[in-house]
C-alpha atoms as a PDB file:
ATOM      1  CA  UNK A   1      -7.455 -21.506   0.603  1.00  0.00           C
ATOM      2  CA  UNK A   2      -5.109 -18.766   1.009  1.00  0.00           C
ATOM      3  CA  UNK A   3      -1.253 -19.283   0.508  1.00  0.00           C
ATOM      4  CA  UNK A   4      -0.379 -18.875   4.237  1.00  0.00           C
ATOM      5  CA  UNK A   5      -2.921 -21.680   5.365  1.00  0.00           C
ATOM      6  CA  UNK A   6      -1.682 -23.832   2.529  1.00  0.00           C
ATOM      7  CA  UNK A   7       1.879 -23.439   3.726  1.00  0.00           C
ATOM      8  CA  UNK A   8       0.980 -24.269   7.152  1.00  0.00           C
ATOM      9  CA  UNK A   9      -0.641 -27.475   6.099  1.00  0.00           C
ATOM     10  CA  UNK A  10       2.431 -28.598   4.204  1.00  0.00           C
ATOM     11  CA  UNK A  11       4.972 -27.733   7.045  1.00  0.00           C
ATOM     12  CA  UNK A  12       5.462 -30.534   9.708  1.00  0.00           C
ATOM     13  CA  UNK A  13       4.039 -29.635  13.068  1.00  0.00           C
ATOM     14  CA  UNK A  14       7.420 -29.512  14.736  1.00  0.00           C
ATOM     15  CA  UNK A  15       8.390 -26.512  12.602  1.00  0.00           C
ATOM     16  CA  UNK A  16       5.030 -24.663  12.794  1.00  0.00           C
ATOM     17  CA  UNK A  17       6.422 -22.132  15.381  1.00  0.00           C
ATOM     18  CA  UNK A  18       9.508 -21.146  13.229  1.00  0.00           C
ATOM     19  CA  UNK A  19       7.330 -20.832  10.083  1.00  0.00           C
ATOM     20  CA  UNK A  20       4.876 -18.573  11.824  1.00  0.00           C
ATOM     21  CA  UNK A  21       7.777 -16.491  13.342  1.00  0.00           C
ATOM     22  CA  UNK A  22       9.440 -16.239   9.846  1.00  0.00           C
ATOM     23  CA  UNK A  23       6.010 -15.059   8.359  1.00  0.00           C
ATOM     24  CA  UNK A  24       5.649 -12.571  11.051  1.00  0.00           C
ATOM     25  CA  UNK A  25       9.269 -11.304  10.548  1.00  0.00           C
ATOM     26  CA  UNK A  26       8.617 -10.897   6.782  1.00  0.00           C
ATOM     27  CA  UNK A  27       5.442  -9.172   7.412  1.00  0.00           C
ATOM     28  CA  UNK A  28       7.260  -6.682   9.714  1.00  0.00           C
ATOM     29  CA  UNK A  29       9.948  -6.102   7.064  1.00  0.00           C
ATOM     30  CA  UNK A  30       7.391  -5.421   4.412  1.00  0.00           C
ATOM     31  CA  UNK A  31       5.596  -2.939   6.899  1.00  0.00           C
ATOM     32  CA  UNK A  32       8.907  -1.052   7.296  1.00  0.00           C
ATOM     33  CA  UNK A  33       9.351  -0.897   3.507  1.00  0.00           C
ATOM     34  CA  UNK A  34       5.780   0.029   2.787  1.00  0.00           C
ATOM     35  CA  UNK A  35       6.037   3.168   4.959  1.00  0.00           C
ATOM     36  CA  UNK A  36       8.117   4.918   2.342  1.00  0.00           C
ATOM     37  CA  UNK A  37       6.958   3.142  -0.802  1.00  0.00           C
ATOM     38  CA  UNK A  38       4.942   5.291  -3.255  1.00  0.00           C
ATOM     39  CA  UNK A  39       2.911   3.513  -6.042  1.00  0.00           C
ATOM     40  CA  UNK A  40       4.465   3.772  -9.398  1.00  0.00           C
ATOM     41  CA  UNK A  41       3.090   6.177 -11.902  1.00  0.00           C
ATOM     42  CA  UNK A  42       1.764   4.673 -15.197  1.00  0.00           C
ATOM     43  CA  UNK A  43       3.987   5.205 -18.193  1.00  0.00           C
ATOM     44  CA  UNK A  44       7.315   5.149 -16.199  1.00  0.00           C
ATOM     45  CA  UNK A  45      10.132   2.738 -17.315  1.00  0.00           C
ATOM     46  CA  UNK A  46       9.695  -0.679 -16.089  1.00  0.00           C
ATOM     47  CA  UNK A  47       6.006   0.174 -14.742  1.00  0.00           C
ATOM     48  CA  UNK A  48       5.093  -3.538 -14.734  1.00  0.00           C
ATOM     49  CA  UNK A  49       8.127  -4.538 -12.546  1.00  0.00           C
ATOM     50  CA  UNK A  50       7.563  -1.509 -10.147  1.00  0.00           C
ATOM     51  CA  UNK A  51       3.735  -2.356  -9.874  1.00  0.00           C
ATOM     52  CA  UNK A  52       4.524  -5.955  -9.047  1.00  0.00           C
ATOM     53  CA  UNK A  53       7.103  -4.912  -6.313  1.00  0.00           C
ATOM     54  CA  UNK A  54       4.519  -2.453  -4.947  1.00  0.00           C
ATOM     55  CA  UNK A  55       1.810  -4.969  -4.823  1.00  0.00           C
ATOM     56  CA  UNK A  56       4.008  -7.690  -3.266  1.00  0.00           C
ATOM     57  CA  UNK A  57       5.325  -5.289  -0.437  1.00  0.00           C
ATOM     58  CA  UNK A  58       1.675  -4.135   0.348  1.00  0.00           C
ATOM     59  CA  UNK A  59       0.328  -7.648   0.348  1.00  0.00           C
ATOM     60  CA  UNK A  60       3.172  -8.745   2.665  1.00  0.00           C
ATOM     61  CA  UNK A  61       2.451  -5.759   4.908  1.00  0.00           C
ATOM     62  CA  UNK A  62      -1.229  -6.676   4.951  1.00  0.00           C
ATOM     63  CA  UNK A  63      -2.230  -3.415   3.209  1.00  0.00           C
ATOM     64  CA  UNK A  64      -4.929  -5.033   1.034  1.00  0.00           C
ATOM     65  CA  UNK A  65      -6.737  -3.312  -1.726  1.00  0.00           C
ATOM     66  CA  UNK A  66      -6.586   0.476  -1.538  1.00  0.00           C
ATOM     67  CA  UNK A  67      -5.219   0.716   1.979  1.00  0.00           C
ATOM     68  CA  UNK A  68      -3.035   3.780   2.611  1.00  0.00           C
ATOM     69  CA  UNK A  69       0.571   2.779   2.954  1.00  0.00           C
ATOM     70  CA  UNK A  70       1.460   5.705   5.386  1.00  0.00           C
ATOM     71  CA  UNK A  71       0.031   6.924   8.540  1.00  0.00           C
ATOM     72  CA  UNK A  72      -1.753  10.329   7.855  1.00  0.00           C
ATOM     73  CA  UNK A  73      -2.995  11.689  11.309  1.00  0.00           C
ATOM     74  CA  UNK A  74      -5.825  14.165  10.645  1.00  0.00           C
ATOM     75  CA  UNK A  75      -6.028  13.774   6.916  1.00  0.00           C
ATOM     76  CA  UNK A  76      -8.381  12.083   4.735  1.00  0.00           C
ATOM     77  CA  UNK A  77      -7.867  11.148   1.127  1.00  0.00           C
ATOM     78  CA  UNK A  78      -9.736  10.404  -2.100  1.00  0.00           C
ATOM     79  CA  UNK A  79      -7.824   7.863  -4.370  1.00  0.00           C
ATOM     80  CA  UNK A  80      -8.338   8.525  -7.976  1.00  0.00           C
ATOM     81  CA  UNK A  81      -6.257   7.313 -10.964  1.00  0.00           C
ATOM     82  CA  UNK A  82      -3.530   9.620 -12.103  1.00  0.00           C
ATOM     83  CA  UNK A  83      -5.272  10.387 -15.496  1.00  0.00           C
ATOM     84  CA  UNK A  84      -8.326  11.625 -13.520  1.00  0.00           C
ATOM     85  CA  UNK A  85      -6.412  13.731 -11.123  1.00  0.00           C
ATOM     86  CA  UNK A  86      -7.197  17.194 -12.512  1.00  0.00           C
ATOM     87  CA  UNK A  87     -10.892  16.361 -13.105  1.00  0.00           C
ATOM     88  CA  UNK A  88     -11.113  15.109  -9.427  1.00  0.00           C
ATOM     89  CA  UNK A  89      -9.445  18.367  -8.260  1.00  0.00           C
ATOM     90  CA  UNK A  90     -11.911  20.551 -10.169  1.00  0.00           C
ATOM     91  CA  UNK A  91     -15.041  18.587  -8.822  1.00  0.00           C
ATOM     92  CA  UNK A  92     -13.884  18.867  -5.299  1.00  0.00           C
ATOM     93  CA  UNK A  93     -12.944  22.598  -5.716  1.00  0.00           C
ATOM     94  CA  UNK A  94     -16.362  23.264  -7.229  1.00  0.00           C
ATOM     95  CA  UNK A  95     -18.093  21.556  -4.284  1.00  0.00           C
ATOM     96  CA  UNK A  96     -16.178  23.731  -1.861  1.00  0.00           C
ATOM     97  CA  UNK A  97     -13.898  21.086  -0.518  1.00  0.00           C
ATOM     98  CA  UNK A  98     -10.248  22.052   0.270  1.00  0.00           C
ATOM     99  CA  UNK A  99      -7.776  20.055  -1.986  1.00  0.00           C
ATOM    100  CA  UNK A 100      -4.632  19.101  -0.227  1.00  0.00           C
ATOM    101  CA  UNK A 101      -1.437  19.376  -2.184  1.00  0.00           C
ATOM    102  CA  UNK A 102       2.168  18.505  -1.345  1.00  0.00           C
ATOM    103  CA  UNK A 103       2.684  22.147  -0.160  1.00  0.00           C
ATOM    104  CA  UNK A 104       2.317  22.432   3.576  1.00  0.00           C
ATOM    105  CA  UNK A 105      -0.507  24.810   4.701  1.00  0.00           C
ATOM    106  CA  UNK A 106       0.337  27.947   6.593  1.00  0.00           C
ATOM    107  CA  UNK A 107      -0.089  27.755  10.408  1.00  0.00           C
END
């Protein structure tokens, strides 16, 4: 049983509405934070703490698994580990797929 269902079983029925509203407010706050939150890079100081924070915020925002944490209209992405970034770019370039970078394209 997931934690939310377990919490709702423990709470008295008179307070269910308040608990549900509190959970919705917490999820909304996590969604606001998740918009600008980037995943931590391995090897950075306090990586474990940053990773736990990132996972907790994304879980609270209902971005489970590998869901994108930002809206990217008209873009698709291929998620690869940081250490495989260069080989993934080479594979896509050799296959004739345009690789997006942080630089904005002309026009």
